[in-house]
């Protein structure tokens, strides 16, 4: 995993998002390159099976090139293949990834796919996703686990 460490002031609510370290205050190093899913996995909140399911979903999201784009993009997204799409053209691989992504979200179900997309694909933290969905605090982790479990079943991850 790539590391992009930055020093942040530590407050009672957690690390401050803006500004750097002030003298006389406690600080913490934050890895800006770490995804919310890998953060949960590294701290034991989700197991390997759920983490792998989330990574497979994110890979399909990236392969399908579903992320927002402001201008025309001429570069090709290069992601190492899993082997299942080896005989397909780049366009067919993109369509297959979009189909798998849509099917995985459908398997998660209505209501669960919201938190799944926000945390896994968009990279939002759980507190931000809970706030955007108007959910109670600390409820997102349980719902995310349920959604990832269904996605793991879809991808046949044991």
Protein backbone atom coordinates (compact mmCIF):
# COMPACT_ATOMS: atom_id res chain seq x y z
CA UNK A 1 0.00 0.00 0.00
CA UNK A 2 1.22 3.47 -0.87
CA UNK A 3 2.02 5.74 2.07
CA UNK A 4 1.41 9.48 2.05
CA UNK A 5 1.98 10.61 5.63
CA UNK A 6 1.08 14.05 6.93
CA UNK A 7 1.22 15.46 10.45
CA UNK A 8 -2.12 16.65 11.88
CA UNK A 9 -3.11 18.22 15.18
CA UNK A 10 -4.98 15.78 17.41
CA UNK A 11 -8.19 17.14 18.94
CA UNK A 12 -10.91 15.48 21.02
CA UNK A 13 -12.90 14.85 17.79
CA UNK A 14 -9.89 13.27 16.05
CA UNK A 15 -7.22 14.61 13.72
CA UNK A 16 -7.90 18.09 12.35
CA UNK A 17 -8.44 18.07 8.60
CA UNK A 18 -6.88 21.42 7.87
CA UNK A 19 -3.68 22.95 9.12
CA UNK A 20 -0.53 21.34 10.39
CA UNK A 21 1.11 20.82 13.73
CA UNK A 22 1.15 23.56 16.34
CA UNK A 23 3.78 23.67 19.03
CA UNK A 24 2.66 22.44 22.43
CA UNK A 25 -0.20 20.35 20.97
CA UNK A 26 -0.45 16.63 20.42
CA UNK A 27 -0.20 15.48 16.83
CA UNK A 28 -0.68 12.31 14.84
CA UNK A 29 0.61 11.04 11.49
CA UNK A 30 -2.20 10.34 9.02
CA UNK A 31 -1.84 8.27 5.85
CA UNK A 32 -3.84 10.13 3.20
CA UNK A 33 -3.46 7.26 0.73
CA UNK A 34 -5.22 4.72 2.96
CA UNK A 35 -8.76 3.82 1.95
CA UNK A 36 -11.55 3.59 4.54
CA UNK A 37 -11.90 -0.11 3.77
CA UNK A 38 -8.21 -0.84 4.36
CA UNK A 39 -8.39 1.23 7.56
CA UNK A 40 -11.21 -0.98 8.86
CA UNK A 41 -9.35 -4.14 7.84
CA UNK A 42 -6.04 -3.04 9.39
CA UNK A 43 -7.75 -2.46 12.74
CA UNK A 44 -9.65 -5.76 12.76
CA UNK A 45 -13.14 -4.33 12.18
CA UNK A 46 -13.66 -6.44 9.05
CA UNK A 47 -12.15 -9.83 8.22
CA UNK A 48 -10.15 -10.88 5.16
CA UNK A 49 -13.22 -12.21 3.32
CA UNK A 50 -15.10 -8.90 3.57
CA UNK A 51 -11.99 -6.91 2.68
CA UNK A 52 -11.39 -9.05 -0.43
CA UNK A 53 -15.02 -8.60 -1.47
CA UNK A 54 -14.71 -4.82 -1.14
CA UNK A 55 -11.47 -4.80 -3.12
CA UNK A 56 -13.04 -6.88 -5.90
CA UNK A 57 -15.99 -4.47 -6.04
CA UNK A 58 -13.66 -1.47 -6.15
CA UNK A 59 -11.57 -3.11 -8.89
CA UNK A 60 -14.69 -3.66 -11.00
CA UNK A 61 -15.68 -0.04 -10.37
CA UNK A 62 -12.25 1.12 -11.58
CA UNK A 63 -12.22 -1.25 -14.57
CA UNK A 64 -15.64 -0.02 -15.64
CA UNK A 65 -14.33 3.55 -15.36
CA UNK A 66 -17.43 4.68 -13.49
CA UNK A 67 -15.71 7.47 -11.56
CA UNK A 68 -16.59 11.09 -12.24
CA UNK A 69 -14.64 12.83 -14.97
CA UNK A 70 -14.61 16.59 -15.50
CA UNK A 71 -13.08 16.61 -18.99
CA UNK A 72 -12.42 14.14 -21.76
CA UNK A 73 -9.91 11.50 -20.71
CA UNK A 74 -7.56 10.00 -23.27
CA UNK A 75 -5.55 7.84 -20.91
CA UNK A 76 -6.30 4.16 -20.44
CA UNK A 77 -6.88 2.81 -16.95
CA UNK A 78 -4.50 -0.11 -16.57
CA UNK A 79 -5.43 -2.66 -13.94
CA UNK A 80 -3.87 -6.11 -13.75
CA UNK A 81 -6.38 -8.62 -15.04
CA UNK A 82 -7.86 -11.41 -12.98
CA UNK A 83 -7.71 -13.78 -15.97
CA UNK A 84 -11.47 -14.08 -16.50
CA UNK A 85 -11.54 -11.31 -19.13
CA UNK A 86 -8.31 -12.29 -20.89
CA UNK A 87 -9.86 -12.95 -24.33
CA UNK A 88 -11.87 -9.72 -24.47
CA UNK A 89 -11.13 -6.39 -26.07
CA UNK A 90 -10.65 -3.38 -23.75
CA UNK A 91 -14.20 -2.18 -24.43
CA UNK A 92 -15.65 -5.63 -23.73
CA UNK A 93 -13.65 -5.84 -20.47
CA UNK A 94 -15.07 -2.46 -19.43
CA UNK A 95 -18.63 -3.60 -20.21
CA UNK A 96 -18.08 -6.89 -18.35
CA UNK A 97 -16.75 -5.02 -15.30
CA UNK A 98 -19.78 -2.67 -15.35
CA UNK A 99 -22.08 -5.68 -15.55
CA UNK A 100 -20.33 -7.37 -12.57
CA UNK A 101 -20.39 -4.11 -10.59
CA UNK A 102 -24.11 -3.59 -11.20
CA UNK A 103 -24.87 -7.22 -10.33
CA UNK A 104 -22.81 -7.02 -7.12
CA UNK A 105 -24.69 -3.88 -6.00
CA UNK A 106 -27.99 -5.57 -6.86
CA UNK A 107 -26.93 -8.57 -4.77
CA UNK A 108 -26.20 -6.26 -1.83
CA UNK A 109 -29.72 -4.95 -2.13
CA UNK A 110 -31.49 -1.64 -1.97
CA UNK A 111 -30.39 0.40 1.04
CA UNK A 112 -27.16 -1.53 1.56
CA UNK A 113 -25.67 -0.51 -1.77
CA UNK A 114 -25.64 3.15 -0.68
CA UNK A 115 -23.10 2.69 2.11
CA UNK A 116 -21.19 0.17 0.00
CA UNK A 117 -20.71 2.60 -2.86
CA UNK A 118 -19.84 5.54 -0.61
CA UNK A 119 -17.18 3.73 1.46
CA UNK A 120 -15.70 1.26 -1.03
CA UNK A 121 -15.92 3.12 -4.35
CA UNK A 122 -16.04 6.82 -3.43
CA UNK A 123 -13.61 6.46 -0.51
CA UNK A 124 -15.77 8.29 2.05
CA UNK A 125 -15.11 7.61 5.69
CA UNK A 126 -17.84 5.90 7.71
CA UNK A 127 -18.74 9.02 9.75
CA UNK A 128 -19.13 11.09 6.58
CA UNK A 129 -21.20 8.39 4.87
CA UNK A 130 -23.47 8.03 7.94
CA UNK A 131 -23.99 11.78 8.03
CA UNK A 132 -24.75 11.99 4.29
CA UNK A 133 -27.28 9.15 4.59
CA UNK A 134 -28.79 10.66 7.77
CA UNK A 135 -28.05 7.50 9.76
CA UNK A 136 -27.28 7.34 13.49
CA UNK A 137 -23.61 7.48 14.45
CA UNK A 138 -21.74 4.16 14.47
CA UNK A 139 -24.45 2.33 12.53
CA UNK A 140 -22.58 2.34 9.22
CA UNK A 141 -20.05 -0.32 10.16
CA UNK A 142 -22.73 -2.94 10.81
CA UNK A 143 -24.59 -2.13 7.58
CA UNK A 144 -21.32 -2.12 5.62
CA UNK A 145 -20.46 -5.57 6.99
CA UNK A 146 -23.85 -6.91 5.89
CA UNK A 147 -23.41 -5.42 2.41
CA UNK A 148 -19.86 -6.76 2.07
CA UNK A 149 -21.03 -10.20 3.16
CA UNK A 150 -23.59 -10.27 0.35
CA UNK A 151 -21.01 -9.02 -2.15
CA UNK A 152 -18.57 -11.74 -0.98
CA UNK A 153 -21.29 -14.29 -1.73
CA UNK A 154 -21.75 -12.78 -5.18
CA UNK A 155 -18.01 -13.00 -5.94
CA UNK A 156 -17.91 -16.50 -4.35
CA UNK A 157 -15.24 -15.54 -1.84
CA UNK A 158 -14.95 -18.05 1.00
